Amino acid sequence: MILESIAGAGLAKAGAALGAAIAVIGAAYGIGNIGKSSVESIARQPSAAGDIRSSMILTAAFVEGAALFAIVVCLLVVVM
């Protein structure tokens, strides 16, 4: 009985770590795509660089916020 709960806790921690890793990888991929697209857009239309840059920063902040939320949820699984 006790061994089953210990094994379950270990699996929960491993699952939370895997979830946090997937969240970070997804955020890195998303921000990379945002940066790539914004650089391509600025290269095509340099006069709109300011608008593109501000949209890029806002979108990157949203992606980072979602990733941070996912990591916090994973950490709560470990703590509880």
C-alpha atoms as a PDB file:
ATOM      1  CA  MET A   1       0.000   0.000   0.000  1.00  0.00           C
ATOM      2  CA  ILE A   2       2.717   2.468   0.997  1.00  0.00           C
ATOM      3  CA  LEU A   3       4.942   1.421  -1.900  1.00  0.00           C
ATOM      4  CA  GLU A   4       2.123   2.068  -4.351  1.00  0.00           C
ATOM      5  CA  SER A   5       1.663   5.622  -3.071  1.00  0.00           C
ATOM      6  CA  ILE A   6       5.421   6.245  -3.231  1.00  0.00           C
ATOM      7  CA  ALA A   7       5.529   4.953  -6.805  1.00  0.00           C
ATOM      8  CA  GLY A   8       2.518   7.105  -7.677  1.00  0.00           C
ATOM      9  CA  ALA A   9       4.219  10.177  -6.240  1.00  0.00           C
ATOM     10  CA  GLY A  10       7.330   9.440  -8.263  1.00  0.00           C
ATOM     11  CA  LEU A  11       5.295   9.079 -11.440  1.00  0.00           C
ATOM     12  CA  ALA A  12       3.487  12.339 -10.678  1.00  0.00           C
ATOM     13  CA  LYS A  13       6.782  14.163 -10.309  1.00  0.00           C
ATOM     14  CA  ALA A  14       8.113  12.626 -13.522  1.00  0.00           C
ATOM     15  CA  GLY A  15       4.923  13.585 -15.340  1.00  0.00           C
ATOM     16  CA  ALA A  16       5.104  17.135 -14.010  1.00  0.00           C
ATOM     17  CA  ALA A  17       8.722  17.435 -15.109  1.00  0.00           C
ATOM     18  CA  LEU A  18       7.821  16.137 -18.557  1.00  0.00           C
ATOM     19  CA  GLY A  19       4.912  18.566 -18.768  1.00  0.00           C
ATOM     20  CA  ALA A  20       7.125  21.495 -17.811  1.00  0.00           C
ATOM     21  CA  ALA A  21       9.700  20.449 -20.395  1.00  0.00           C
ATOM     22  CA  ILE A  22       7.070  20.230 -23.121  1.00  0.00           C
ATOM     23  CA  ALA A  23       5.737  23.672 -22.156  1.00  0.00           C
ATOM     24  CA  VAL A  24       9.208  25.213 -22.396  1.00  0.00           C
ATOM     25  CA  ILE A  25       9.941  23.518 -25.715  1.00  0.00           C
ATOM     26  CA  GLY A  26       6.605  24.690 -27.110  1.00  0.00           C
ATOM     27  CA  ALA A  27       7.233  28.257 -25.966  1.00  0.00           C
ATOM     28  CA  ALA A  28      10.723  28.262 -27.477  1.00  0.00           C
ATOM     29  CA  TYR A  29       9.363  26.968 -30.782  1.00  0.00           C
ATOM     30  CA  GLY A  30       6.580  29.570 -30.778  1.00  0.00           C
ATOM     31  CA  ILE A  31       8.882  32.480 -30.005  1.00  0.00           C
ATOM     32  CA  GLY A  32      11.317  31.274 -32.656  1.00  0.00           C
ATOM     33  CA  ASN A  33       8.549  31.300 -35.233  1.00  0.00           C
ATOM     34  CA  ILE A  34       7.440  34.753 -34.105  1.00  0.00           C
ATOM     35  CA  GLY A  35      10.979  36.098 -34.486  1.00  0.00           C
ATOM     36  CA  LYS A  36      11.476  34.443 -37.880  1.00  0.00           C
ATOM     37  CA  SER A  37       8.201  35.794 -39.223  1.00  0.00           C
ATOM     38  CA  SER A  38       8.809  39.282 -37.922  1.00  0.00           C
ATOM     39  CA  VAL A  39      12.283  39.464 -39.447  1.00  0.00           C
ATOM     40  CA  GLU A  40      10.898  38.291 -42.786  1.00  0.00           C
ATOM     41  CA  SER A  41       8.088  40.851 -42.567  1.00  0.00           C
ATOM     42  CA  ILE A  42      10.469  43.687 -41.730  1.00  0.00           C
ATOM     43  CA  ALA A  43      12.710  42.657 -44.632  1.00  0.00           C
ATOM     44  CA  ARG A  44       9.755  42.835 -47.009  1.00  0.00           C
ATOM     45  CA  GLN A  45       8.381  46.128 -45.702  1.00  0.00           C
ATOM     46  CA  PRO A  46      10.939  48.123 -43.689  1.00  0.00           C
ATOM     47  CA  SER A  47       8.590  51.069 -43.264  1.00  0.00           C
ATOM     48  CA  ALA A  48       6.313  48.985 -41.018  1.00  0.00           C
ATOM     49  CA  ALA A  49       9.141  47.855 -38.726  1.00  0.00           C
ATOM     50  CA  GLY A  50       7.775  49.658 -35.661  1.00  0.00           C
ATOM     51  CA  ASP A  51       4.307  48.141 -35.916  1.00  0.00           C
ATOM     52  CA  ILE A  52       5.693  44.678 -36.627  1.00  0.00           C
ATOM     53  CA  ARG A  53       8.112  44.891 -33.710  1.00  0.00           C
ATOM     54  CA  SER A  54       5.431  45.947 -31.241  1.00  0.00           C
ATOM     55  CA  SER A  55       3.131  43.143 -32.408  1.00  0.00           C
ATOM     56  CA  MET A  56       6.017  40.689 -32.115  1.00  0.00           C
ATOM     57  CA  ILE A  57       6.778  41.719 -28.531  1.00  0.00           C
ATOM     58  CA  LEU A  58       3.120  41.507 -27.531  1.00  0.00           C
ATOM     59  CA  THR A  59       2.694  38.060 -29.062  1.00  0.00           C
ATOM     60  CA  ALA A  60       5.920  36.790 -27.495  1.00  0.00           C
ATOM     61  CA  ALA A  61       4.683  38.008 -24.116  1.00  0.00           C
ATOM     62  CA  PHE A  62       1.451  36.039 -24.563  1.00  0.00           C
ATOM     63  CA  VAL A  63       3.398  32.891 -25.446  1.00  0.00           C
ATOM     64  CA  GLU A  64       5.680  33.347 -22.448  1.00  0.00           C
ATOM     65  CA  GLY A  65       2.669  33.883 -20.199  1.00  0.00           C
ATOM     66  CA  ALA A  66       1.035  30.667 -21.375  1.00  0.00           C
ATOM     67  CA  ALA A  67       4.293  28.755 -20.875  1.00  0.00           C
ATOM     68  CA  LEU A  68       4.744  30.191 -17.393  1.00  0.00           C
ATOM     69  CA  PHE A  69       1.181  29.219 -16.509  1.00  0.00           C
ATOM     70  CA  ALA A  70       1.834  25.660 -17.696  1.00  0.00           C
ATOM     71  CA  ILE A  71       5.041  25.435 -15.664  1.00  0.00           C
ATOM     72  CA  VAL A  72       3.279  26.704 -12.526  1.00  0.00           C
ATOM     73  CA  VAL A  73       0.568  24.082 -12.967  1.00  0.00           C
ATOM     74  CA  CYS A  74       3.249  21.395 -13.298  1.00  0.00           C
ATOM     75  CA  LEU A  75       4.981  22.635 -10.163  1.00  0.00           C
ATOM     76  CA  LEU A  76       1.679  22.548  -8.280  1.00  0.00           C
ATOM     77  CA  VAL A  77       1.328  18.898  -9.221  1.00  0.00           C
ATOM     78  CA  VAL A  78       4.714  18.219  -7.657  1.00  0.00           C
ATOM     79  CA  VAL A  79       3.934  20.101  -4.461  1.00  0.00           C
ATOM     80  CA  MET A  80       0.490  18.632  -3.916  1.00  0.00           C
END
